[in-house]
Every structure is written in C-alpha cells, then in structure tokens.
Amino acid sequence: MDIKDTARTCDGAGISAFLRSLPAKPLLLGLGEARHFVEELGELRNEIFRHLVEHEGYRSFAIESDCLKGLVVDDYITTGAGTLDDVMERGFSHSFGAAPANRELVRWMRAYNQEHEEKLRFFGFDGPLEYWAESPRQALTSLYNLLDGPLPWTTETLDTLLGPDDRWSNEATAMDPSQSIGQSADAQQLRLIADDLVALLDTQAPRLNAKDRELAALYGRTATGLLRYHYWMADTSPARWTRLSALRDAMMAANLRAVAEHGPALVFSSNLHLQRNKTFMPFGDQTLEWWSAGAITAAHLGDRYAFLASALGTAGDDTPPPDTVEGILSTLPWDHSLIEAPRLAEAITNPAPRISHDFAYFPLDPAQLDMIDGIVFLKEAVRLKKLG
C-alpha cells in the first residue's frame, strides 16, 4: 500500500472526511501536541476548530490549562467581561497565554459569540497544578459559598485550616516531599470538609440553576482532587511520582467528561495526555507509567472519543531519519497532512523509533499507531519556543 493512500491534505474537507470515517460522531475530538509551543500547530489547530464550528456543529474548545483560570476566558468570550490582554494574562496556566495562536483563538471565539445566538464555550481541563500544586482555597471557598443554610463550619474555620497560600504552592515540594503540608492535620481535616461539602451540594442541587450546578461540580472535583494531590506530594515512597502523574490525568479526565456534556468539543493537549495507550516516561532513574486522561476518557465514552495525534517532520534543526514514522511521512506531498493511523500501521513495516534531539518533542511510538485514529503531520515547523 502506498502511504499516500492513507493520507490527505489537512484542510476542512479532510477533517470532515476523517470524521465521517469514524464509527460514531465524537463528543470529544482530541488533537494532541507532539511538542508544546509550536506556532504552526497552533495556527493549524485554529483553522481546524473554525471548520468544526462552522461546518460540524462544534461549540466547545478545551485546552490543557488550569480549569479555574479557564473560567476567566469563558466569561470573556461569552459576556465580554474584561479585556483581551487581561484575559490572556489571567486565564491560562503553563505560560499558554503568551502563545500568539491562543490569543487569536480567544479573539475569534469572542467575535463569533458577538454575532451568533448559540454561544461557543471555552474550558481549561488541567487541574491548578504542574509538578507542584496550587492552594485549594479558591475551589473550597467557592464551593462553600454555593451552599445554603447553617453549616458545621464557618469561613473563618476554612481560613484557619488553609493558612497562607504560599505554604501550599511551594514549588520546592516537587522534589522535596518533606516540604509538603499535604499530610498535615490541617490538610487532612480539609479533605474531610471538602468531601462533606460535595455531599451537601448534592442535597441542594434542585435549588441551583444550571450554571451554578456546573460551577459547583467543577469546584467540588477540583477541591477534592487538589487535596488528594497534595496528600501524595508528601509521600516519600518510590511510587510518589507515578501516583501524582496518574492523579493529574484522572483530574483531567473528570474535567473532560464534564466538557463532553456540552456536546462536540475539540480538545487540545499533549499527545501523552490524550493518547489511549498507557504513558511511559523516563524520570531520573525510574520509568513512570500511568493511564492517560485520554485512555480514561475513552474507557467512559468509547467510540464517542477520538484522538488525532500530531507529529512533526523537520522541527527547527531536528530532522527525522528516513526510516522513522516521521521520516516516512515527510515524503507526503502536503505541508500539512491528515493520516489514517490504523491504515498507516498496515502500510509500513518495522519503522525505527525516532530519537529526537529536542527534549520537549515526543516522537510517535511505531508500536502504538493502531491506538490512534489519525495523525496530523506538519512537514516542517520552524517557529518553536525554546524550553529549558
């Protein structure tokens, strides 16, 4: 089989044809990043999303960014609250607000909503964390404030147990569990309170409007997830980072299931978070392994979850050898290609794994091609943000 028979140009018609080839219309279409901060991929993503909105009925976009910060962006695109500059600064984590393609996406979504009655929605689906985690204050107090009637705790009780936020968001805890307060008496009391607050909110759900119920669920799963993550930040066992990685993706997956309730959405995140197979990552002298958010989501949604991995040919000064998957795909005639991954797996024999000189780039795993629905391939990417 000629590999050109497995591929087409990655344009609107190609995206629609790909969707028609799937066994079911996906509620979530994951578009993975082989590397963060590739401007060409961000621009192509924007083109794909515009086509999905205008021709395929998509109304939501979700990105690997703090789910609570994402509320700032969603408020802006739906109501116009704030300014674009402020939203890009406050509405994203992981420095994603500085990416030109993200700014253009937010600008376009706001302009679309100004002209259409049916509104687009924006979601962050990561937790308020990276390798360390933020304070649970915002999620806990927001959850508390949605409750009605006399409660066993006061806001003063929560403030006393929480203490200063910087004792939670201490970046040194990433490598030094002894600096984490996640297993302190205060933190364990807060875990019990968070659990009770979620239960109390369930008993009051009938009095809440749809927007408040959505916010309550977000605050509840974020508060409990953050406190659970902080607990394991204080762990000293060899399983510490495997557990933390798994917990982060589980939080992502819970947020993605909530996004799916709003109908078809494009999800943009690292390939490692959206893939269906288990994630393996070298970490010091060990290899971490855990189920990704995509794998967990697919277990719940089945055929209603689809995954497009991205891959790069020449990226900066890093060119793939011709016997790797990326090297083989570089022979395609299009600058941007959309490949049916299962058919590609049948068409190529024993490709070599790519060893990239860019630590931020995660090459395709030749052994996992049949776990991918499609590949978005950029033959060349030159506008890369230097990391590290």
Protein backbone atom coordinates (compact mmCIF):
# COMPACT_ATOMS: atom_id res chain seq x y z
CA MET A 1 0.00 0.00 0.00
CA ASP A 2 1.31 3.45 -0.93
CA ILE A 3 1.29 5.70 2.17
CA LYS A 4 -0.37 8.41 0.07
CA ASP A 5 -3.43 6.13 0.04
CA THR A 6 -3.62 6.52 3.84
CA ALA A 7 -3.43 10.31 3.83
CA ARG A 8 -4.98 13.52 2.55
CA THR A 9 -4.25 17.20 2.96
CA CYS A 10 -5.23 18.51 6.39
CA ASP A 11 -7.87 21.07 5.45
CA GLY A 12 -11.57 21.48 6.18
CA ALA A 13 -12.62 18.85 3.66
CA GLY A 14 -10.01 16.45 5.05
CA ILE A 15 -11.24 16.96 8.62
CA SER A 16 -14.86 16.37 7.63
CA ALA A 17 -13.91 13.23 5.68
CA PHE A 18 -11.98 11.98 8.71
CA LEU A 19 -14.99 12.49 10.97
CA ARG A 20 -17.21 10.59 8.52
CA SER A 21 -14.78 7.66 8.63
CA LEU A 22 -15.20 7.19 12.38
CA PRO A 23 -17.68 4.64 13.79
CA ALA A 24 -19.55 7.39 15.69
CA LYS A 25 -19.56 11.17 15.89
CA PRO A 26 -17.15 12.01 18.73
CA LEU A 27 -18.29 14.08 21.67
CA LEU A 28 -14.62 14.83 22.25
CA LEU A 29 -12.10 15.10 19.44
CA GLY A 30 -8.61 15.17 20.92
CA LEU A 31 -5.90 16.96 18.95
CA GLY A 32 -2.58 16.13 20.55
CA GLU A 33 0.60 18.15 20.67
CA ALA A 34 3.86 16.36 19.96
CA ARG A 35 5.50 19.43 21.46
CA HIS A 36 4.16 22.47 23.28
CA PHE A 37 4.62 25.95 21.78
CA VAL A 38 4.79 25.06 18.08
CA GLU A 39 3.26 28.13 16.46
CA GLU A 40 2.48 26.37 13.17
CA LEU A 41 0.50 23.69 15.02
CA GLY A 42 -1.42 26.31 16.99
CA GLU A 43 -2.38 28.09 13.78
CA LEU A 44 -3.47 24.83 12.15
CA ARG A 45 -5.47 23.96 15.27
CA ASN A 46 -7.31 27.28 14.97
CA GLU A 47 -8.18 26.53 11.33
CA ILE A 48 -9.45 23.07 12.33
CA PHE A 49 -11.59 24.48 15.14
CA ARG A 50 -13.09 27.18 12.94
CA HIS A 51 -14.07 24.50 10.42
CA LEU A 52 -15.55 22.29 13.13
CA VAL A 53 -17.63 25.20 14.43
CA GLU A 54 -18.83 26.40 11.04
CA HIS A 55 -19.45 23.02 9.38
CA GLU A 56 -19.63 20.25 12.01
CA GLY A 57 -21.64 21.76 14.88
CA TYR A 58 -18.80 22.01 17.41
CA ARG A 59 -19.40 24.57 20.14
CA SER A 60 -16.67 24.00 22.74
CA PHE A 61 -12.90 24.16 22.97
CA ALA A 62 -10.84 22.69 25.82
CA ILE A 63 -7.12 23.14 26.46
CA GLU A 64 -4.52 21.70 28.84
CA SER A 65 -4.70 24.67 31.19
CA ASP A 66 -5.91 25.40 34.73
CA CYS A 67 -9.65 24.64 34.87
CA LEU A 68 -10.33 27.51 37.28
CA LYS A 69 -8.37 30.05 35.25
CA GLY A 70 -10.34 28.87 32.23
CA LEU A 71 -13.47 30.40 33.79
CA VAL A 72 -11.92 33.84 33.14
CA VAL A 73 -11.58 33.06 29.42
CA ASP A 74 -15.07 31.55 29.16
CA ASP A 75 -16.59 34.60 30.84
CA TYR A 76 -14.80 36.87 28.36
CA ILE A 77 -15.86 35.03 25.22
CA THR A 78 -19.46 34.62 26.39
CA THR A 79 -20.10 38.04 28.01
CA GLY A 80 -17.17 40.27 27.03
CA ALA A 81 -16.09 40.71 30.66
CA GLY A 82 -12.57 42.14 30.95
CA THR A 83 -10.07 42.88 28.21
CA LEU A 84 -8.24 40.53 25.89
CA ASP A 85 -4.86 41.47 27.40
CA ASP A 86 -6.09 40.77 30.93
CA VAL A 87 -7.73 37.50 29.93
CA MET A 88 -4.57 36.21 28.25
CA GLU A 89 -2.60 37.03 31.40
CA ARG A 90 -5.01 35.66 34.00
CA GLY A 91 -6.93 33.00 32.08
CA PHE A 92 -4.17 30.50 31.29
CA SER A 93 -1.59 28.45 33.17
CA HIS A 94 1.69 26.95 31.92
CA SER A 95 2.52 30.24 30.07
CA PHE A 96 -0.04 29.32 27.39
CA GLY A 97 -1.48 32.84 27.47
CA ALA A 98 1.70 34.07 25.77
CA ALA A 99 1.15 31.88 22.68
CA PRO A 100 0.01 34.03 19.71
CA ALA A 101 -2.27 31.26 18.42
CA ASN A 102 -4.10 31.10 21.76
CA ARG A 103 -4.64 34.85 21.71
CA GLU A 104 -6.02 34.66 18.17
CA LEU A 105 -8.30 31.77 19.16
CA VAL A 106 -9.78 33.71 22.11
CA ARG A 107 -10.22 36.81 19.93
CA TRP A 108 -12.02 34.77 17.25
CA MET A 109 -14.28 32.97 19.74
CA ARG A 110 -15.33 36.30 21.28
CA ALA A 111 -16.05 37.77 17.82
CA TYR A 112 -18.08 34.68 16.87
CA ASN A 113 -20.18 34.93 20.03
CA GLN A 114 -20.92 38.58 19.36
CA GLU A 115 -22.52 37.60 16.04
CA HIS A 116 -24.30 34.35 16.96
CA GLU A 117 -27.02 33.48 19.43
CA GLU A 118 -25.68 29.97 20.10
CA LYS A 119 -22.51 30.63 22.10
CA LEU A 120 -19.12 28.95 22.00
CA ARG A 121 -17.63 27.77 25.30
CA PHE A 122 -14.03 27.67 26.48
CA PHE A 123 -12.67 25.24 29.08
CA GLY A 124 -9.38 24.61 30.80
CA PHE A 125 -9.25 20.95 31.74
CA ASP A 126 -6.00 20.62 33.70
CA GLY A 127 -6.01 20.92 37.46
CA PRO A 128 -4.48 24.01 39.14
CA LEU A 129 -1.14 22.24 39.19
CA GLU A 130 2.02 21.34 37.31
CA TYR A 131 4.66 19.36 39.20
CA TRP A 132 3.57 21.16 42.35
CA ALA A 133 0.01 22.26 43.14
CA GLU A 134 -1.80 25.46 43.99
CA SER A 135 -3.72 26.15 47.19
CA PRO A 136 -7.21 24.63 47.33
CA ARG A 137 -8.55 27.94 48.70
CA GLN A 138 -10.37 29.14 45.56
CA ALA A 139 -12.09 25.82 44.91
CA LEU A 140 -13.03 25.23 48.57
CA THR A 141 -14.33 28.71 49.33
CA SER A 142 -16.23 28.93 46.04
CA LEU A 143 -17.81 25.56 46.80
CA TYR A 144 -18.69 26.72 50.32
CA ASN A 145 -20.29 29.92 49.02
CA LEU A 146 -22.70 27.99 46.79
CA LEU A 147 -24.23 26.24 49.81
CA ASP A 148 -27.32 27.44 51.64
CA GLY A 149 -28.36 27.28 55.26
CA PRO A 150 -26.43 26.73 58.51
CA LEU A 151 -23.20 24.79 58.03
CA PRO A 152 -20.95 22.94 60.51
CA TRP A 153 -18.02 25.21 59.54
CA THR A 154 -17.50 28.92 59.11
CA THR A 155 -15.36 30.71 56.56
CA GLU A 156 -13.05 31.53 59.46
CA THR A 157 -12.60 27.79 60.07
CA LEU A 158 -11.62 27.28 56.45
CA ASP A 159 -9.23 30.26 56.52
CA THR A 160 -7.53 28.97 59.68
CA LEU A 161 -7.06 25.47 58.25
CA LEU A 162 -5.86 26.77 54.90
CA GLY A 163 -3.41 29.28 56.30
CA PRO A 164 -1.20 31.26 53.87
CA ASP A 165 -1.49 30.13 50.25
CA ASP A 166 2.29 30.04 49.76
CA ARG A 167 2.63 27.09 52.11
CA TRP A 168 0.57 25.10 49.57
CA SER A 169 2.05 26.46 46.34
CA ASN A 170 5.68 25.90 47.37
CA GLU A 171 7.49 24.78 44.21
CA ALA A 172 10.19 23.08 46.31
CA THR A 173 7.66 20.38 47.21
CA ALA A 174 8.04 18.97 43.68
CA MET A 175 11.38 17.39 44.59
CA ASP A 176 11.25 17.53 48.39
CA PRO A 177 8.19 15.84 49.92
CA SER A 178 9.25 16.93 53.40
CA GLN A 179 8.24 20.49 52.46
CA SER A 180 4.68 19.48 51.58
CA ILE A 181 1.87 20.09 54.08
CA GLY A 182 -0.40 17.64 52.27
CA GLN A 183 -0.44 15.09 55.10
CA SER A 184 -0.64 17.62 57.95
CA ALA A 185 -3.54 17.58 60.40
CA ASP A 186 -4.95 20.73 58.78
CA ALA A 187 -4.82 19.25 55.30
CA GLN A 188 -6.47 16.00 56.37
CA GLN A 189 -9.24 17.94 58.11
CA LEU A 190 -9.77 19.93 54.90
CA ARG A 191 -10.09 16.70 52.91
CA LEU A 192 -12.95 15.61 55.17
CA ILE A 193 -14.61 19.03 54.92
CA ALA A 194 -14.29 19.04 51.11
CA ASP A 195 -15.91 15.62 50.93
CA ASP A 196 -18.79 16.78 53.13
CA LEU A 197 -19.23 19.98 51.11
CA VAL A 198 -19.60 17.96 47.91
CA ALA A 199 -22.19 15.74 49.60
CA LEU A 200 -24.10 18.76 50.93
CA LEU A 201 -24.14 20.35 47.50
CA ASP A 202 -25.69 17.21 46.06
CA THR A 203 -28.53 17.55 48.59
CA GLN A 204 -29.09 21.15 47.44
CA ALA A 205 -28.79 20.62 43.70
CA PRO A 206 -32.52 21.25 42.99
CA ARG A 207 -32.30 24.89 44.14
CA LEU A 208 -29.31 25.69 41.88
CA ASN A 209 -29.61 26.86 38.30
CA ALA A 210 -27.74 25.02 35.56
CA LYS A 211 -24.76 27.39 35.60
CA ASP A 212 -24.32 27.11 39.38
CA ARG A 213 -24.63 23.33 39.26
CA GLU A 214 -21.88 23.25 36.63
CA LEU A 215 -19.67 25.51 38.75
CA ALA A 216 -20.40 23.54 41.91
CA ALA A 217 -19.35 20.29 40.25
CA LEU A 218 -16.15 21.93 38.98
CA TYR A 219 -15.26 23.39 42.37
CA GLY A 220 -16.06 20.13 44.12
CA ARG A 221 -13.91 17.87 41.95
CA THR A 222 -11.11 20.47 41.92
CA ALA A 223 -11.07 20.87 45.70
CA THR A 224 -11.06 17.14 46.39
CA GLY A 225 -8.58 16.48 43.58
CA LEU A 226 -6.15 19.15 44.77
CA LEU A 227 -6.23 17.95 48.37
CA ARG A 228 -5.66 14.38 47.21
CA TYR A 229 -2.74 15.54 45.06
CA HIS A 230 -1.23 17.48 47.98
CA TYR A 231 -1.54 14.38 50.17
CA TRP A 232 0.61 12.38 47.76
CA MET A 233 3.05 15.28 47.35
CA ALA A 234 4.07 14.49 50.92
CA ASP A 235 4.61 10.80 50.15
CA THR A 236 8.18 9.51 50.37
CA SER A 237 7.75 6.13 48.66
CA PRO A 238 9.24 5.26 45.24
CA ALA A 239 5.70 5.29 43.81
CA ARG A 240 5.28 9.01 44.56
CA TRP A 241 5.63 10.38 41.01
CA THR A 242 3.74 7.55 39.37
CA ARG A 243 0.83 8.25 41.73
CA LEU A 244 0.99 12.02 41.17
CA SER A 245 1.09 11.64 37.39
CA ALA A 246 -1.90 9.30 37.48
CA LEU A 247 -3.87 11.63 39.76
CA ARG A 248 -3.26 14.60 37.47
CA ASP A 249 -4.56 12.73 34.43
CA ALA A 250 -7.53 11.45 36.42
CA MET A 251 -8.42 15.06 37.26
CA MET A 252 -8.08 15.95 33.58
CA ALA A 253 -10.34 13.06 32.59
CA ALA A 254 -13.04 14.12 35.06
CA ASN A 255 -12.98 17.62 33.58
CA LEU A 256 -13.14 16.21 30.04
CA ARG A 257 -16.24 14.20 30.88
CA ALA A 258 -17.86 17.43 32.07
CA VAL A 259 -16.86 19.14 28.79
CA ALA A 260 -18.43 16.26 26.85
CA GLU A 261 -21.79 17.08 28.42
CA HIS A 262 -21.83 20.28 26.32
CA GLY A 263 -21.69 18.39 23.04
CA PRO A 264 -18.94 18.09 20.46
CA ALA A 265 -15.70 19.73 21.62
CA LEU A 266 -12.15 19.98 20.31
CA VAL A 267 -9.61 19.15 23.00
CA PHE A 268 -6.01 20.38 22.67
CA SER A 269 -3.26 18.94 24.84
CA SER A 270 -0.06 16.93 24.78
CA ASN A 271 -0.19 13.64 22.91
CA LEU A 272 0.84 11.99 26.19
CA HIS A 273 -2.32 13.20 27.94
CA LEU A 274 -4.73 12.37 25.10
CA GLN A 275 -3.42 9.01 23.87
CA ARG A 276 -5.39 5.82 24.50
CA ASN A 277 -2.40 3.71 25.48
CA LYS A 278 -0.52 3.75 28.76
CA THR A 279 2.01 6.54 29.19
CA PHE A 280 5.64 5.69 29.92
CA MET A 281 8.05 8.46 30.85
CA PRO A 282 11.71 8.32 31.97
CA PHE A 283 12.09 10.16 35.27
CA GLY A 284 15.51 10.12 36.90
CA ASP A 285 16.49 6.52 37.49
CA GLN A 286 12.95 5.17 37.04
CA THR A 287 10.29 4.96 34.34
CA LEU A 288 6.87 6.26 35.31
CA GLU A 289 3.80 4.58 33.87
CA TRP A 290 0.15 5.56 34.18
CA TRP A 291 -3.08 5.69 32.23
CA SER A 292 -3.53 8.99 30.43
CA ALA A 293 -6.58 11.26 30.54
CA GLY A 294 -7.40 10.12 27.00
CA ALA A 295 -7.30 6.45 27.99
CA ILE A 296 -9.57 7.09 30.99
CA THR A 297 -11.95 9.20 28.90
CA ALA A 298 -12.09 6.57 26.15
CA ALA A 299 -12.97 3.95 28.78
CA HIS A 300 -16.07 6.04 29.61
CA LEU A 301 -17.02 7.39 26.17
CA GLY A 302 -15.96 4.52 23.91
CA ASP A 303 -16.40 5.48 20.24
CA ARG A 304 -17.54 8.96 21.26
CA TYR A 305 -13.87 9.79 21.94
CA ALA A 306 -11.47 10.18 19.02
CA PHE A 307 -7.77 11.00 19.03
CA LEU A 308 -5.69 12.81 16.46
CA ALA A 309 -2.01 12.71 17.41
CA SER A 310 0.25 15.36 15.95
CA ALA A 311 3.75 14.75 14.65
CA LEU A 312 6.46 16.95 13.17
CA GLY A 313 8.90 16.31 10.36
CA THR A 314 11.74 18.82 10.50
CA ALA A 315 11.39 20.83 13.70
CA GLY A 316 13.96 23.58 13.93
CA ASP A 317 17.26 21.83 13.28
CA ASP A 318 15.89 18.38 14.20
CA THR A 319 15.22 16.27 11.07
CA PRO A 320 13.80 12.74 11.39
CA PRO A 321 15.77 9.81 9.89
CA PRO A 322 14.03 8.43 6.77
CA ASP A 323 13.24 5.06 8.39
CA THR A 324 11.18 6.57 11.25
CA VAL A 325 7.44 7.18 11.06
CA GLU A 326 8.05 10.93 10.86
CA GLY A 327 10.70 10.41 8.18
CA ILE A 328 8.32 8.28 6.11
CA LEU A 329 5.52 10.83 6.48
CA SER A 330 7.89 13.57 5.34
CA THR A 331 7.67 12.10 1.82
CA LEU A 332 3.99 13.06 1.57
CA PRO A 333 3.33 15.92 -0.89
CA TRP A 334 1.44 18.20 1.52
CA ASP A 335 2.81 20.64 4.09
CA HIS A 336 0.01 19.57 6.47
CA SER A 337 -1.30 16.02 6.17
CA LEU A 338 -4.05 14.04 7.86
CA ILE A 339 -3.25 10.33 8.01
CA GLU A 340 -5.47 7.37 8.91
CA ALA A 341 -3.20 5.87 11.54
CA PRO A 342 -4.51 2.25 11.55
CA ARG A 343 -4.07 2.03 7.77
CA LEU A 344 -0.61 3.56 8.07
CA ALA A 345 0.31 0.85 10.59
CA GLU A 346 -0.59 -1.74 7.93
CA ALA A 347 1.30 0.10 5.19
CA ILE A 348 4.73 0.46 6.82
CA THR A 349 6.94 -2.34 8.10
CA ASN A 350 9.12 -2.12 11.20
CA PRO A 351 9.77 1.64 11.28
CA ALA A 352 12.55 2.71 13.60
CA PRO A 353 11.71 4.79 16.68
CA ARG A 354 12.73 8.42 16.31
CA ILE A 355 15.27 9.75 18.80
CA SER A 356 14.71 13.49 18.93
CA HIS A 357 17.40 16.00 19.92
CA ASP A 358 14.62 18.22 21.31
CA PHE A 359 13.75 17.03 24.82
CA ALA A 360 10.35 18.76 24.52
CA TYR A 361 9.34 16.72 21.47
CA PHE A 362 7.68 13.33 21.99
CA PRO A 363 8.00 11.23 18.81
CA LEU A 364 5.32 8.83 17.64
CA ASP A 365 5.65 5.32 19.03
CA PRO A 366 5.56 2.99 16.00
CA ALA A 367 4.11 0.20 18.15
CA GLN A 368 1.06 2.30 19.10
CA LEU A 369 -0.12 3.53 15.69
CA ASP A 370 -3.18 1.28 15.77
CA MET A 371 -4.28 3.00 19.01
CA ILE A 372 -4.53 6.35 17.21
CA ASP A 373 -7.47 7.37 15.00
CA GLY A 374 -5.46 9.79 12.90
CA ILE A 375 -2.23 11.78 12.68
CA VAL A 376 -1.95 15.48 11.93
CA PHE A 377 1.50 15.80 10.37
CA LEU A 378 3.40 19.04 9.82
CA LYS A 379 6.24 18.51 7.38
CA GLU A 380 8.17 21.45 8.82
CA ALA A 381 7.92 23.61 11.93
CA VAL A 382 10.39 26.43 12.43
CA ARG A 383 8.63 28.67 14.96
CA LEU A 384 9.32 26.80 18.17
CA LYS A 385 9.59 28.35 21.60
CA LYS A 386 12.83 27.30 23.23
CA LEU A 387 12.24 25.48 26.51
CA GLY A 388 14.58 24.87 29.41
